[in-house]
Protein backbone atom coordinates (compact mmCIF):
# COMPACT_ATOMS: atom_id res chain seq x y z
CA MET A 1 21.22 -25.28 -57.89
CA THR A 2 23.70 -26.01 -55.09
CA THR A 3 23.70 -28.91 -52.68
CA ALA A 4 24.80 -28.23 -49.13
CA SER A 5 27.63 -30.49 -47.96
CA LEU A 6 26.94 -32.60 -44.91
CA HIS A 7 29.71 -33.88 -42.69
CA VAL A 8 29.05 -36.30 -39.84
CA HIS A 9 31.34 -35.29 -37.00
CA HIS A 10 30.55 -38.20 -34.68
CA VAL A 11 27.71 -40.41 -33.45
CA GLU A 12 27.00 -41.05 -29.76
CA ARG A 13 25.15 -44.12 -28.45
CA LEU A 14 22.67 -42.74 -25.93
CA ASP A 15 20.75 -45.90 -25.09
CA ASP A 16 19.68 -45.71 -21.43
CA ILE A 17 22.32 -43.21 -20.20
CA PRO A 18 19.94 -40.20 -19.87
CA VAL A 19 17.47 -42.34 -17.90
CA LEU A 20 20.14 -43.57 -15.50
CA LEU A 21 21.66 -40.14 -14.92
CA ALA A 22 18.23 -38.53 -14.44
CA THR A 23 17.27 -41.16 -11.86
CA LEU A 24 20.55 -40.70 -9.99
CA LYS A 25 19.90 -36.95 -9.96
CA ARG A 26 16.44 -37.55 -8.47
CA LEU A 27 18.11 -39.64 -5.76
CA ASN A 28 20.48 -36.71 -5.08
CA VAL A 29 23.41 -39.14 -5.13
CA ALA A 30 25.97 -36.61 -6.38
CA ASP A 31 25.17 -33.92 -3.77
CA LEU A 32 25.14 -36.42 -0.91
CA LEU A 33 28.46 -37.89 -2.01
CA ASP A 34 30.00 -34.42 -2.26
CA ARG A 35 28.81 -33.68 1.26
CA HIS A 36 30.47 -36.74 2.78
CA PHE A 37 33.37 -37.14 0.32
CA PRO A 38 34.47 -33.55 -0.52
CA SER A 39 36.66 -33.22 -3.61
CA GLY A 40 39.49 -31.28 -1.92
CA HIS A 41 41.74 -28.47 -3.15
CA ARG A 42 43.77 -30.74 -5.43
CA TRP A 43 40.71 -31.86 -7.39
CA LYS A 44 40.68 -30.48 -10.93
CA GLY A 45 37.87 -29.98 -13.40
CA ALA A 46 34.25 -28.85 -13.23
CA LEU A 47 32.96 -32.28 -12.22
CA THR A 48 32.79 -33.06 -8.51
CA PHE A 49 33.44 -36.36 -6.78
CA GLY A 50 29.71 -37.13 -6.87
CA ASP A 51 29.40 -36.28 -10.57
CA VAL A 52 32.15 -38.71 -11.52
CA VAL A 53 30.60 -41.45 -9.38
CA CYS A 54 27.20 -40.95 -11.06
CA VAL A 55 28.70 -41.21 -14.53
CA TRP A 56 30.62 -44.29 -13.43
CA ILE A 57 27.48 -45.95 -12.05
CA ALA A 58 25.60 -45.17 -15.26
CA TYR A 59 28.39 -46.69 -17.34
CA ILE A 60 28.59 -49.88 -15.26
CA THR A 61 24.82 -50.32 -15.20
CA SER A 62 24.50 -49.72 -18.93
CA ARG A 63 27.54 -51.62 -20.17
CA GLY A 64 28.05 -54.27 -17.46
CA ASP A 65 31.79 -53.57 -17.12
CA HIS A 66 33.47 -52.27 -13.95
CA ARG A 67 37.03 -52.10 -15.35
CA LEU A 68 38.53 -48.73 -14.49
CA SER A 69 40.41 -48.34 -17.76
CA GLU A 70 37.26 -48.54 -19.89
CA LEU A 71 35.41 -45.53 -18.47
CA GLN A 72 37.62 -42.78 -19.91
CA PRO A 73 37.34 -43.77 -23.61
CA TRP A 74 33.59 -44.34 -23.19
CA ALA A 75 33.15 -40.88 -21.65
CA GLN A 76 35.16 -39.37 -24.52
CA ASP A 77 32.87 -41.07 -27.06
CA ASN A 78 29.76 -39.75 -25.24
CA ARG A 79 31.11 -36.37 -24.28
CA HIS A 80 28.19 -34.26 -25.57
CA THR A 81 25.61 -36.52 -23.88
CA LEU A 82 27.35 -36.36 -20.52
CA GLN A 83 27.89 -32.59 -20.71
CA THR A 84 24.24 -31.97 -21.51
CA CYS A 85 22.93 -34.33 -18.81
CA LEU A 86 25.26 -32.95 -16.13
CA GLY A 87 25.27 -29.33 -17.30
CA LYS A 88 29.03 -29.16 -16.86
CA THR A 89 32.13 -29.32 -19.02
CA ILE A 90 33.62 -32.79 -19.38
CA ARG A 91 37.36 -33.44 -19.52
CA PRO A 92 38.72 -36.83 -20.54
CA LEU A 93 41.03 -36.78 -17.49
CA ASP A 94 37.99 -36.59 -15.21
CA PHE A 95 37.65 -40.35 -15.65
CA GLN A 96 41.28 -41.45 -15.63
CA ASP A 97 41.78 -44.84 -14.03
CA ASP A 98 44.22 -43.50 -11.41
CA ARG A 99 41.59 -41.02 -10.22
CA LEU A 100 38.97 -43.75 -10.15
CA ALA A 101 41.24 -45.97 -8.05
CA ASP A 102 41.73 -43.16 -5.52
CA MET A 103 37.97 -42.66 -5.41
CA LEU A 104 37.46 -46.31 -4.54
CA ASP A 105 39.92 -45.92 -1.67
CA ARG A 106 37.86 -43.01 -0.34
CA LEU A 107 34.55 -44.86 -0.67
CA ALA A 108 36.02 -47.60 1.52
CA LEU A 109 36.15 -45.20 4.50
CA ASP A 110 33.55 -46.79 6.75
CA ASP A 111 32.37 -43.79 8.79
CA ALA A 112 31.86 -41.52 5.78
CA TRP A 113 30.06 -44.24 3.81
CA GLN A 114 27.80 -45.16 6.72
CA THR A 115 26.54 -41.60 7.21
CA PHE A 116 26.17 -41.11 3.44
CA GLU A 117 24.19 -44.34 3.14
CA ALA A 118 21.89 -43.33 6.01
CA GLU A 119 21.11 -39.94 4.42
CA LEU A 120 20.59 -41.53 1.00
CA ASN A 121 18.12 -43.98 2.52
CA GLN A 122 16.11 -41.22 4.15
CA HIS A 123 16.06 -39.17 0.94
CA THR A 124 15.00 -42.19 -1.15
CA VAL A 125 12.14 -43.00 1.21
CA ARG A 126 10.87 -39.41 0.98
CA VAL A 127 11.13 -39.13 -2.80
CA TYR A 128 9.55 -42.48 -3.64
CA HIS A 129 7.07 -42.50 -0.70
CA LEU A 130 8.31 -45.82 0.64
CA ASP A 131 7.24 -47.47 3.87
CA PRO A 132 10.35 -48.67 5.73
CA LYS A 133 8.71 -51.46 7.71
CA LEU A 134 9.91 -54.74 6.18
CA PHE A 135 13.59 -55.56 5.58
CA ARG A 136 15.51 -58.63 4.46
CA VAL A 137 19.10 -59.48 5.40
CA ASP A 138 21.41 -62.02 3.78
CA THR A 139 25.07 -62.65 2.95
CA THR A 140 27.03 -63.90 -0.05
CA THR A 141 30.64 -64.36 -1.14
CA ALA A 142 32.69 -63.10 -4.06
CA SER A 143 35.96 -64.82 -5.00
CA SER A 144 39.00 -63.57 -6.88
CA TYR A 145 42.42 -64.70 -8.10
CA VAL A 146 44.21 -62.41 -5.62
CA GLU A 147 46.62 -63.78 -3.06
CA VAL A 148 45.88 -63.83 0.66
CA GLN A 149 47.96 -60.95 1.96
CA SER A 150 47.59 -61.57 5.70
CA GLU A 151 45.40 -63.30 8.23
CA LEU A 152 43.75 -59.95 8.97
CA GLY A 153 42.94 -59.13 5.35
CA PHE A 154 39.55 -59.24 3.68
CA PHE A 155 40.41 -62.00 1.20
CA GLN A 156 40.48 -65.36 2.95
CA PHE A 157 39.67 -68.95 2.10
CA GLY A 158 36.26 -70.04 3.38
CA HIS A 159 33.09 -71.95 2.59
CA SER A 160 31.41 -70.79 -0.59
CA LYS A 161 28.56 -71.90 -2.83
CA ASP A 162 30.64 -70.77 -5.82
CA ARG A 163 34.30 -71.74 -5.43
CA ASP A 164 36.16 -72.91 -2.33
CA ASP A 165 39.55 -72.95 -4.05
CA GLN A 166 39.89 -69.15 -4.29
CA PRO A 167 40.20 -66.43 -1.67
CA GLN A 168 36.93 -64.58 -1.15
CA ILE A 169 35.24 -61.70 0.59
CA LYS A 170 31.84 -61.86 2.27
CA VAL A 171 29.18 -59.25 1.56
CA ALA A 172 26.24 -58.59 3.89
CA LEU A 173 23.22 -56.82 2.45
CA ALA A 174 19.97 -55.48 3.93
CA THR A 175 17.15 -54.65 1.52
CA LEU A 176 13.83 -52.87 1.81
CA ASP A 177 10.65 -54.63 0.74
CA PRO A 178 8.72 -54.78 -1.51
CA LEU A 179 11.18 -53.37 -4.05
CA GLY A 180 14.28 -55.21 -2.81
CA MET A 181 16.34 -52.00 -2.68
CA PRO A 182 19.65 -52.34 -0.79
CA VAL A 183 19.80 -49.98 2.18
CA THR A 184 22.99 -51.19 3.89
CA THR A 185 26.06 -52.91 2.51
CA PHE A 186 29.27 -53.91 4.23
CA VAL A 187 32.16 -56.28 3.56
CA VAL A 188 33.92 -58.62 5.97
CA PRO A 189 36.71 -61.22 5.58
CA GLY A 190 35.78 -64.27 3.53
CA ASN A 191 36.30 -66.71 6.40
CA SER A 192 33.86 -64.91 8.72
CA ALA A 193 30.91 -66.81 10.12
CA ASP A 194 27.48 -65.67 8.96
CA ASP A 195 25.73 -65.61 12.35
CA PRO A 196 27.56 -62.57 13.84
CA LEU A 197 26.94 -60.45 10.72
CA TYR A 198 23.20 -60.03 11.12
CA VAL A 199 23.20 -57.79 14.19
CA PRO A 200 25.63 -55.23 12.63
CA ALA A 201 23.53 -55.21 9.44
CA ILE A 202 20.36 -54.66 11.47
CA GLN A 203 22.03 -51.89 13.46
CA LYS A 204 22.90 -50.07 10.24
CA VAL A 205 19.25 -50.22 9.21
CA GLN A 206 18.18 -48.92 12.61
CA LEU A 207 20.69 -46.07 12.29
CA ALA A 208 18.92 -44.88 9.13
CA PHE A 209 15.28 -45.63 10.01
CA GLY A 210 15.22 -45.84 13.81
CA ALA A 211 14.52 -48.80 16.06
CA GLY A 212 11.14 -50.32 16.80
CA GLY A 213 8.21 -51.51 14.73
CA LYS A 214 10.16 -52.97 11.81
CA THR A 215 10.25 -56.59 10.69
CA PHE A 216 13.45 -58.31 9.58
CA VAL A 217 13.09 -61.44 7.46
CA CYS A 218 16.21 -63.61 7.41
CA ASP A 219 17.26 -67.19 6.73
CA CYS A 220 18.09 -69.78 9.37
CA LYS A 221 21.60 -68.35 9.83
CA ALA A 222 20.01 -65.41 11.62
CA ALA A 223 18.10 -67.70 13.99
CA ALA A 224 20.84 -67.59 16.62
CA LEU A 225 19.35 -66.79 20.01
CA ALA A 226 21.57 -63.71 20.38
CA THR A 227 20.25 -62.24 17.11
CA ARG A 228 16.62 -62.88 18.02
CA ALA A 229 17.15 -61.49 21.51
CA TYR A 230 18.73 -58.30 20.15
CA LEU A 231 15.75 -57.64 17.87
CA ALA A 232 13.31 -58.31 20.69
CA SER A 233 15.21 -55.87 22.92
CA THR A 234 14.94 -53.07 20.33
CA LYS A 235 11.16 -53.62 19.89
CA ASP A 236 11.71 -54.79 16.32
CA TYR A 237 10.39 -58.05 14.88
CA TYR A 238 12.06 -61.05 13.29
CA LEU A 239 10.84 -63.81 11.01
CA CYS A 240 13.16 -66.70 10.23
CA PRO A 241 13.09 -70.49 9.90
CA LEU A 242 14.59 -72.51 12.72
CA SER A 243 17.19 -75.12 11.85
CA GLU A 244 17.53 -78.46 13.62
CA THR A 245 19.98 -76.75 15.99
CA GLN A 246 17.09 -74.78 17.49
CA VAL A 247 14.33 -77.39 16.95
CA SER A 248 15.53 -80.96 16.42
CA ALA A 249 13.76 -83.47 14.21
CA ASN A 250 12.47 -85.32 17.27
CA GLU A 251 11.09 -82.10 18.78
CA ARG A 252 9.38 -81.21 15.51
CA ARG A 253 7.96 -84.73 15.28
CA ALA A 254 6.54 -84.42 18.79
CA LEU A 255 4.89 -81.10 17.90
CA LEU A 256 3.30 -82.69 14.83
CA GLN A 257 1.85 -85.70 16.62
CA PRO A 258 -1.47 -83.93 17.43
CA VAL A 259 -1.82 -83.10 13.71
CA TRP A 260 -1.37 -86.72 12.66
CA GLN A 261 -3.74 -87.87 15.39
CA GLY A 262 -6.41 -85.44 14.20
CA GLN A 263 -6.35 -83.36 17.39
CA GLN A 264 -4.79 -80.20 15.92
CA LYS A 265 -6.66 -78.17 13.31
CA LEU A 266 -4.63 -76.52 10.58
CA LYS A 267 -5.02 -73.08 9.09
CA GLN A 268 -4.74 -72.79 5.32
CA VAL A 269 -3.14 -70.25 3.00
CA TYR A 270 -4.48 -69.96 -0.54
CA ARG A 271 -3.08 -68.29 -3.63
CA PRO A 272 -5.78 -66.12 -5.20
CA ALA A 273 -6.88 -67.01 -8.72
CA ALA A 274 -5.43 -64.85 -11.47
CA GLU A 275 -7.61 -62.05 -12.77
CA GLY A 276 -9.80 -63.03 -15.67
CA GLN A 277 -9.42 -66.75 -15.00
CA SER A 278 -12.07 -69.10 -13.66
CA GLU A 279 -9.62 -71.27 -11.74
CA GLU A 280 -10.22 -71.76 -8.04
CA GLU A 281 -7.89 -70.58 -5.34
CA GLU A 282 -4.86 -72.82 -4.90
CA LEU A 283 -3.90 -74.20 -1.51
CA VAL A 284 -0.21 -73.44 -0.99
CA ALA A 285 0.42 -74.06 2.73
CA GLU A 286 -1.15 -75.09 6.00
CA GLY A 287 0.01 -74.95 9.58
CA PHE A 288 -0.49 -74.01 13.22
CA SER A 289 1.42 -72.16 15.91
CA VAL A 290 2.71 -72.65 19.44
CA ASP A 291 4.01 -69.97 21.79
CA VAL A 292 7.31 -70.35 23.62
CA SER A 293 8.74 -68.16 26.37
CA LEU A 294 12.42 -67.32 25.83
CA GLN A 295 15.02 -65.49 27.85
CA ALA A 296 18.52 -64.28 27.03
CA GLU A 297 21.03 -61.69 28.18
CA VAL A 298 21.32 -58.54 26.07
CA ASN A 299 23.88 -55.86 27.00
CA GLY A 300 24.14 -57.23 30.53
CA ARG A 301 20.38 -57.28 31.13
CA GLN A 302 18.12 -60.32 31.24
CA LEU A 303 15.38 -60.20 28.60
CA VAL A 304 12.24 -62.33 28.54
CA TRP A 305 9.92 -62.39 25.52
CA THR A 306 7.31 -64.58 23.85
CA GLU A 307 8.15 -66.23 20.55
CA ARG A 308 5.51 -67.71 18.29
CA ARG A 309 6.63 -70.74 16.33
CA TRP A 310 4.66 -71.56 13.22
CA LEU A 311 4.82 -75.14 11.99
CA VAL A 312 4.10 -74.80 8.28
CA ARG A 313 3.71 -77.43 5.61
CA SER A 314 4.30 -76.14 2.11
CA LEU A 315 2.53 -78.28 -0.46
CA ALA A 316 5.05 -77.47 -3.18
CA PHE A 317 7.96 -78.18 -0.85
CA ALA A 318 6.40 -81.49 0.22
CA ALA A 319 5.69 -82.52 -3.38
CA GLY A 320 9.29 -81.80 -4.30
CA GLN A 321 10.62 -83.84 -1.40
CA HIS A 322 8.26 -86.71 -2.28
CA LYS A 323 9.55 -86.66 -5.84
CA GLN A 324 13.14 -86.73 -4.70
CA LEU A 325 12.48 -89.63 -2.34
CA ASP A 326 10.70 -91.63 -5.06
CA ARG A 327 13.62 -90.97 -7.39
CA ARG A 328 16.13 -92.19 -4.81
CA LEU A 329 14.06 -95.30 -4.12
CA GLN A 330 13.79 -96.10 -7.81
CA THR A 331 17.52 -95.56 -8.35
CA ALA A 332 18.36 -97.81 -5.39
CA GLN A 333 16.04 -100.57 -6.62
CA GLU A 334 17.52 -100.44 -10.13
CA GLN A 335 21.07 -100.58 -8.82
CA LEU A 336 20.21 -103.46 -6.48
CA ALA A 337 18.59 -105.34 -9.35
CA GLN A 338 21.75 -104.95 -11.40
CA LEU A 339 23.67 -106.88 -8.75
CA ASN A 340 21.67 -110.00 -9.71
CA GLU A 341 22.45 -109.70 -13.42
CA ARG A 342 24.88 -112.19 -14.91
CA LYS A 343 27.02 -111.12 -17.79
CA GLN A 344 29.99 -112.57 -19.55
CA GLY A 345 33.14 -111.37 -17.85
CA LYS A 346 31.26 -110.08 -14.80
CA LYS A 347 32.56 -111.33 -11.50
CA ARG A 348 30.11 -113.34 -9.42
CA LEU A 349 29.88 -111.91 -5.93
CA THR A 350 29.96 -113.99 -2.78
CA ALA A 351 27.18 -113.63 -0.23
CA SER A 352 29.23 -111.24 1.92
CA GLU A 353 30.29 -109.17 -1.10
CA LEU A 354 26.70 -108.97 -2.34
CA ALA A 355 25.52 -107.83 1.10
CA ALA A 356 28.25 -105.20 1.30
CA ALA A 357 27.38 -103.87 -2.17
CA ALA A 358 23.69 -103.67 -1.29
CA GLU A 359 24.44 -101.85 1.96
CA GLN A 360 26.58 -99.33 0.10
CA ILE A 361 23.80 -98.62 -2.42
CA VAL A 362 21.02 -98.02 0.11
CA THR A 363 23.32 -95.87 2.22
CA LYS A 364 24.34 -93.74 -0.75
CA GLN A 365 20.73 -93.21 -1.79
CA ARG A 366 19.75 -92.50 1.86
CA VAL A 367 17.03 -95.16 1.97
CA PRO A 368 18.46 -97.73 4.44
CA SER A 369 15.24 -98.17 6.42
CA LEU A 370 12.89 -97.87 3.46
CA LEU A 371 14.02 -100.93 1.50
CA ASN A 372 14.19 -104.50 2.80
CA TRP A 373 16.83 -106.64 1.16
CA GLU A 374 18.07 -110.15 1.81
CA VAL A 375 20.68 -112.40 0.22
CA ARG A 376 19.26 -115.85 -0.49
CA THR A 377 21.66 -118.68 -1.22
CA SER A 378 20.72 -121.82 -3.14
CA GLY A 379 22.91 -124.80 -3.92
CA HIS A 380 23.03 -127.12 -6.94
CA SER A 381 25.18 -129.99 -8.18
CA LYS A 382 26.65 -130.61 -11.58
CA THR A 383 28.05 -133.90 -12.85
CA VAL A 384 31.15 -133.68 -15.03
CA ARG A 385 31.69 -136.75 -17.25
CA ARG A 386 34.85 -138.75 -17.30
CA TYR A 387 37.37 -137.59 -19.84
CA GLY A 388 40.67 -139.23 -20.48
CA ASP A 389 42.51 -139.77 -17.23
CA ARG A 390 40.08 -137.48 -15.40
CA PRO A 391 37.43 -139.46 -13.53
CA GLU A 392 33.80 -138.51 -13.42
CA GLN A 393 33.10 -135.98 -10.64
CA VAL A 394 30.26 -134.03 -9.06
CA LEU A 395 30.73 -130.25 -8.56
CA HIS A 396 28.75 -128.41 -5.92
CA ALA A 397 28.06 -124.66 -6.42
CA GLN A 398 26.08 -121.94 -4.71
CA ASP A 399 23.99 -119.15 -6.27
CA HIS A 400 23.43 -115.90 -4.36
CA GLN A 401 20.37 -113.84 -5.20
CA LEU A 402 19.40 -110.46 -3.75
CA GLU A 403 15.72 -110.05 -2.95
CA VAL A 404 14.43 -106.45 -2.46
CA SER A 405 11.08 -105.13 -1.24
CA ARG A 406 9.74 -101.71 -0.33
CA CYS A 407 8.74 -100.85 3.24
CA GLU A 408 5.55 -99.04 2.31
CA GLU A 409 4.59 -98.24 5.89
CA ALA A 410 7.98 -96.68 6.65
CA ILE A 411 7.89 -94.77 3.36
CA ALA A 412 4.47 -93.35 4.22
CA LEU A 413 5.74 -92.22 7.64
CA VAL A 414 8.75 -90.49 6.09
CA LYS A 415 6.58 -88.74 3.50
CA ARG A 416 4.23 -87.60 6.23
CA GLU A 417 7.01 -85.54 7.79
CA MET A 418 8.08 -83.91 4.54
CA GLY A 419 7.30 -80.29 3.69
CA TRP A 420 7.21 -79.12 7.32
CA ARG A 421 9.33 -76.22 8.57
CA VAL A 422 9.35 -74.27 11.80
CA TYR A 423 9.30 -70.46 11.54
CA ALA A 424 9.95 -68.22 14.53
CA THR A 425 8.71 -64.67 15.08
CA ASN A 426 8.10 -62.31 17.96
CA HIS A 427 5.47 -60.50 15.86
CA LEU A 428 2.49 -62.06 17.61
CA SER A 429 -0.07 -60.32 15.36
CA LEU A 430 1.46 -61.87 12.23
CA ASN A 431 -0.86 -64.55 10.87
CA LEU A 432 -0.01 -67.66 8.86
CA ALA A 433 -0.47 -65.92 5.51
CA GLY A 434 1.95 -63.19 6.59
CA VAL A 435 4.53 -65.79 7.58
CA VAL A 436 4.22 -67.77 4.34
CA TRP A 437 4.21 -64.86 1.90
CA GLY A 438 6.72 -62.90 3.97
CA TYR A 439 9.37 -65.59 3.84
CA ARG A 440 8.67 -66.54 0.23
CA GLY A 441 9.81 -63.06 -0.76
CA GLN A 442 13.40 -64.07 0.04
CA ASN A 443 13.92 -64.75 -3.66
CA ARG A 444 14.28 -60.99 -4.12
CA LEU A 445 17.62 -61.22 -2.34
CA GLU A 446 18.72 -63.95 -4.72
CA ASP A 447 17.84 -61.66 -7.62
CA ASN A 448 20.05 -58.99 -6.06
CA TRP A 449 22.96 -61.39 -5.71
CA SER A 450 22.55 -62.43 -9.35
CA ARG A 451 22.69 -58.81 -10.45
CA LEU A 452 25.58 -57.91 -8.18
CA LYS A 453 27.81 -60.87 -9.04
CA GLY A 454 26.60 -61.44 -12.60
CA GLN A 455 25.08 -59.09 -15.12
CA PRO A 456 24.68 -56.19 -15.35
CA LEU A 457 26.88 -55.06 -12.43
CA GLY A 458 29.47 -57.83 -12.82
CA LEU A 459 31.32 -57.81 -9.49
CA THR A 460 32.91 -61.11 -10.45
CA PRO A 461 35.42 -61.64 -11.88
CA LEU A 462 37.33 -59.04 -9.88
CA TYR A 463 40.14 -57.30 -11.76
CA LEU A 464 41.37 -55.19 -8.83
CA GLN A 465 44.12 -56.33 -6.48
CA GLN A 466 44.15 -53.93 -3.53
CA GLU A 467 41.60 -54.83 -0.87
CA SER A 468 40.55 -51.26 -0.08
CA ARG A 469 39.67 -50.66 -3.72
CA ILE A 470 37.74 -53.91 -3.92
CA LEU A 471 35.79 -52.83 -0.84
CA GLY A 472 35.07 -49.47 -2.50
CA LEU A 473 33.95 -51.24 -5.67
CA VAL A 474 31.41 -53.36 -3.76
CA LEU A 475 29.95 -50.20 -2.21
CA LEU A 476 29.89 -48.47 -5.60
CA LEU A 477 28.05 -51.40 -7.18
CA SER A 478 25.53 -51.34 -4.36
CA LEU A 479 24.49 -47.91 -5.66
CA GLY A 480 24.00 -49.43 -9.09
CA LEU A 481 21.91 -52.19 -7.52
CA ARG A 482 19.80 -49.56 -5.74
CA LEU A 483 19.29 -47.79 -9.08
CA LEU A 484 18.11 -50.95 -10.84
CA THR A 485 15.67 -51.96 -8.10
CA LEU A 486 14.08 -48.50 -8.05
CA LEU A 487 13.62 -48.42 -11.84
CA GLU A 488 12.09 -51.88 -11.78
CA TRP A 489 9.79 -51.31 -8.81
CA THR A 490 8.49 -47.97 -10.10
CA VAL A 491 7.29 -49.45 -13.39
CA ARG A 492 5.83 -52.58 -11.78
CA LYS A 493 3.94 -50.50 -9.23
CA GLN A 494 2.51 -48.19 -11.92
CA LEU A 495 1.45 -51.13 -14.09
CA GLN A 496 -0.21 -52.89 -11.19
CA GLU A 497 -2.12 -49.80 -10.07
CA LYS A 498 -3.34 -49.08 -13.60
CA GLY A 499 -3.97 -52.71 -14.51
CA GLU A 500 -1.80 -52.36 -17.62
CA THR A 501 0.90 -54.35 -19.37
CA LEU A 502 3.78 -53.44 -21.66
CA LYS A 503 4.23 -54.69 -25.19
CA GLY A 504 7.30 -54.54 -27.40
CA LEU A 505 9.93 -55.34 -24.77
CA TYR A 506 10.73 -58.80 -26.15
CA PRO A 507 12.65 -58.84 -29.45
CA GLY A 508 10.76 -60.70 -32.15
CA GLN A 509 7.63 -60.92 -29.97
CA ALA A 510 5.93 -57.57 -30.48
CA GLY A 511 2.62 -58.77 -29.04
CA ARG A 512 3.99 -60.43 -25.93
CA GLN A 513 2.80 -58.69 -22.77
CA ALA A 514 4.93 -58.00 -19.71
CA LYS A 515 3.22 -57.50 -16.34
CA ARG A 516 6.33 -57.49 -14.14
CA PRO A 517 9.28 -56.60 -16.41
CA SER A 518 12.78 -56.61 -14.96
CA ALA A 519 14.94 -53.49 -14.90
CA GLU A 520 17.31 -55.08 -17.40
CA LEU A 521 14.47 -55.68 -19.83
CA LEU A 522 13.16 -52.13 -19.40
CA LEU A 523 16.56 -50.52 -20.01
CA LYS A 524 17.13 -52.79 -22.98
CA GLY A 525 14.10 -51.13 -24.56
CA PHE A 526 16.20 -47.96 -25.02
CA ARG A 527 18.92 -49.63 -27.03
CA GLY A 528 19.52 -48.17 -30.46
CA ILE A 529 18.90 -44.51 -29.58
CA SER A 530 21.73 -42.49 -31.11
CA LEU A 531 22.68 -38.84 -31.47
CA ALA A 532 24.48 -37.80 -34.67
CA VAL A 533 26.43 -34.52 -34.58
CA VAL A 534 26.75 -33.16 -38.13
CA GLU A 535 28.02 -30.02 -39.88
CA VAL A 536 25.91 -28.57 -42.68
CA SER A 537 27.32 -25.54 -44.53
CA GLY A 538 29.32 -24.46 -41.51
CA GLN A 539 26.40 -24.93 -39.09
CA TRP A 540 26.37 -27.58 -36.42
CA ALA A 541 23.27 -29.68 -35.76
CA ALA A 542 22.29 -32.80 -33.89
CA TYR A 543 19.91 -35.50 -35.08
CA LEU A 544 18.28 -37.79 -32.55
CA THR A 545 16.73 -41.19 -33.17
CA PRO A 546 12.95 -40.70 -32.70
CA LEU A 547 11.62 -42.33 -29.55
CA THR A 548 9.12 -45.15 -29.93
CA GLY A 549 5.77 -45.20 -28.17
CA LEU A 550 7.11 -47.76 -25.70
CA GLN A 551 10.09 -45.57 -24.80
CA GLN A 552 7.88 -42.53 -24.28
CA LYS A 553 5.57 -44.57 -22.06
CA LEU A 554 8.48 -45.78 -19.95
CA LEU A 555 9.62 -42.20 -19.39
CA HIS A 556 6.09 -41.39 -18.24
CA LEU A 557 5.97 -44.38 -15.88
CA TRP A 558 9.27 -43.32 -14.33
CA GLY A 559 8.06 -39.74 -13.95
CA LEU A 560 10.90 -38.43 -16.11
CA PRO A 561 10.53 -35.44 -18.49
CA HIS A 562 9.05 -36.38 -21.86
CA ASP A 563 11.75 -34.30 -23.59
CA LEU A 564 14.62 -35.93 -21.67
CA TYR A 565 16.25 -37.14 -24.88
CA HIS A 566 15.11 -34.24 -27.06
CA ARG A 567 17.08 -31.81 -24.89
CA LEU A 568 20.31 -33.39 -26.08
CA ALA A 569 19.68 -32.10 -29.61
CA LEU A 570 19.02 -28.50 -28.51
CA HIS A 571 21.51 -25.69 -28.01
CA LEU A 572 24.33 -27.66 -29.59
CA HIS A 573 27.64 -25.85 -29.64
CA LYS A 574 30.58 -26.63 -31.86
CA PRO A 575 31.92 -29.93 -30.60
CA PRO A 576 35.55 -30.33 -29.64
CA PRO A 577 37.84 -32.10 -32.11
CA ILE A 578 37.83 -35.88 -31.89
């Protein structure tokens, strides 16, 4: 009896790589990139420019690392997987960091990227049967340790929610609802104002999907009259909150007077009760609208249009503001009470010092008109007995006490105004529910920024130094962001339509159900899938980790072939030496 010898040549970690590459192929990313960024006669190897970009996106999305030097060794370790998925021969030099750097320089060419992005948008809408009617636009910043090269460069010092002490770039993004997929991305210097960026972002969307009939939801930075006038001139719609620059606090207060006097009826918006629960519908907002006639000059022509302004009171927003005000009042009262405490070694304040300290506290807590305080002074005498040569004497002293009381009527008036915001739109058929739920979807943009700047795409920290390559990297990562949003939306849509949930996504919680799983959680479900290439008696074979029921179901929900992973173990040729 003889025992065949088995030699393990190497093991490849598949994880979610086949899923990512198959989805990029469905999006036709490689062919579109090759059309707008041709490889050229000096390009070597079977892989095209688009093929290398797709592998790069899959690596970044799967591993959360955009460093150029890490792609080549990873591709070498997963050579058989990449060759089978792409159907082409892989060379280690295909992913050399110098080549990748040159590719980033080419992606930064604005005209080529803009036409590529427009074609990719049209193809994505056709393949996934999307309705390009509702878009969201926002901006963010990304800082780095690079030096400011010139006043005309992209990296400049500017206001940032993250870090103001580092040079930064500003990224503008337009996404398509309801999936939050980025459709346009462009980068401007970090010291640029936000207001002028919205019209160029909207124009890029209109280049891909045409003008007219679309709604753009933005924050108050897009509420500039020029931005609203441009959208009205193109027969598109806008929805954005108005800041106190457009509608001051006094103007808003005047509009709300009929409500407080009981003369203006309010419309309500309710959140439907969850399925299978007996809870009643929850009131989330109430409000009313007024129409305003506006006029502005657009491209040398005077434009007149009607804008509907919705005054909306969010109950959750109001409750949060009430809580903050109560907390500030309590803090101020506690700090004012501490001024009256006497302790050993604590300096006794004079009346003027006590008044100044009280004024500082109420000003810091922003409650100057909501608390009444007064310094009361009382005098007393103390007789000191004669001692030695010192005669008996009477000492006169004054005690200063701070008395504090709440102005309940003023507090009630302040709370009455809380929770109200003014939203502007030229979409006159949009009702209150559409305004409330439409703007509340802005959190999808925040999710995109978290993915782009954090994990898994990891734009920051930036390891590159040249600005053109950093610009190309932002555009490359926007493709990864598009990939994640499509994977996430497809599964959520299928689950919602079928009324199903997924189990087994949470480690250690096999029975926990997921109704709206994130793309990161879905891709994490493919971790641990490996392909072992072995030699048995001179014959080469591949052994694949069996897919679980959850993994097979995810492939079905994505519309991917059920044998997507099994193909990697078929038709295996002798692998190259390690």
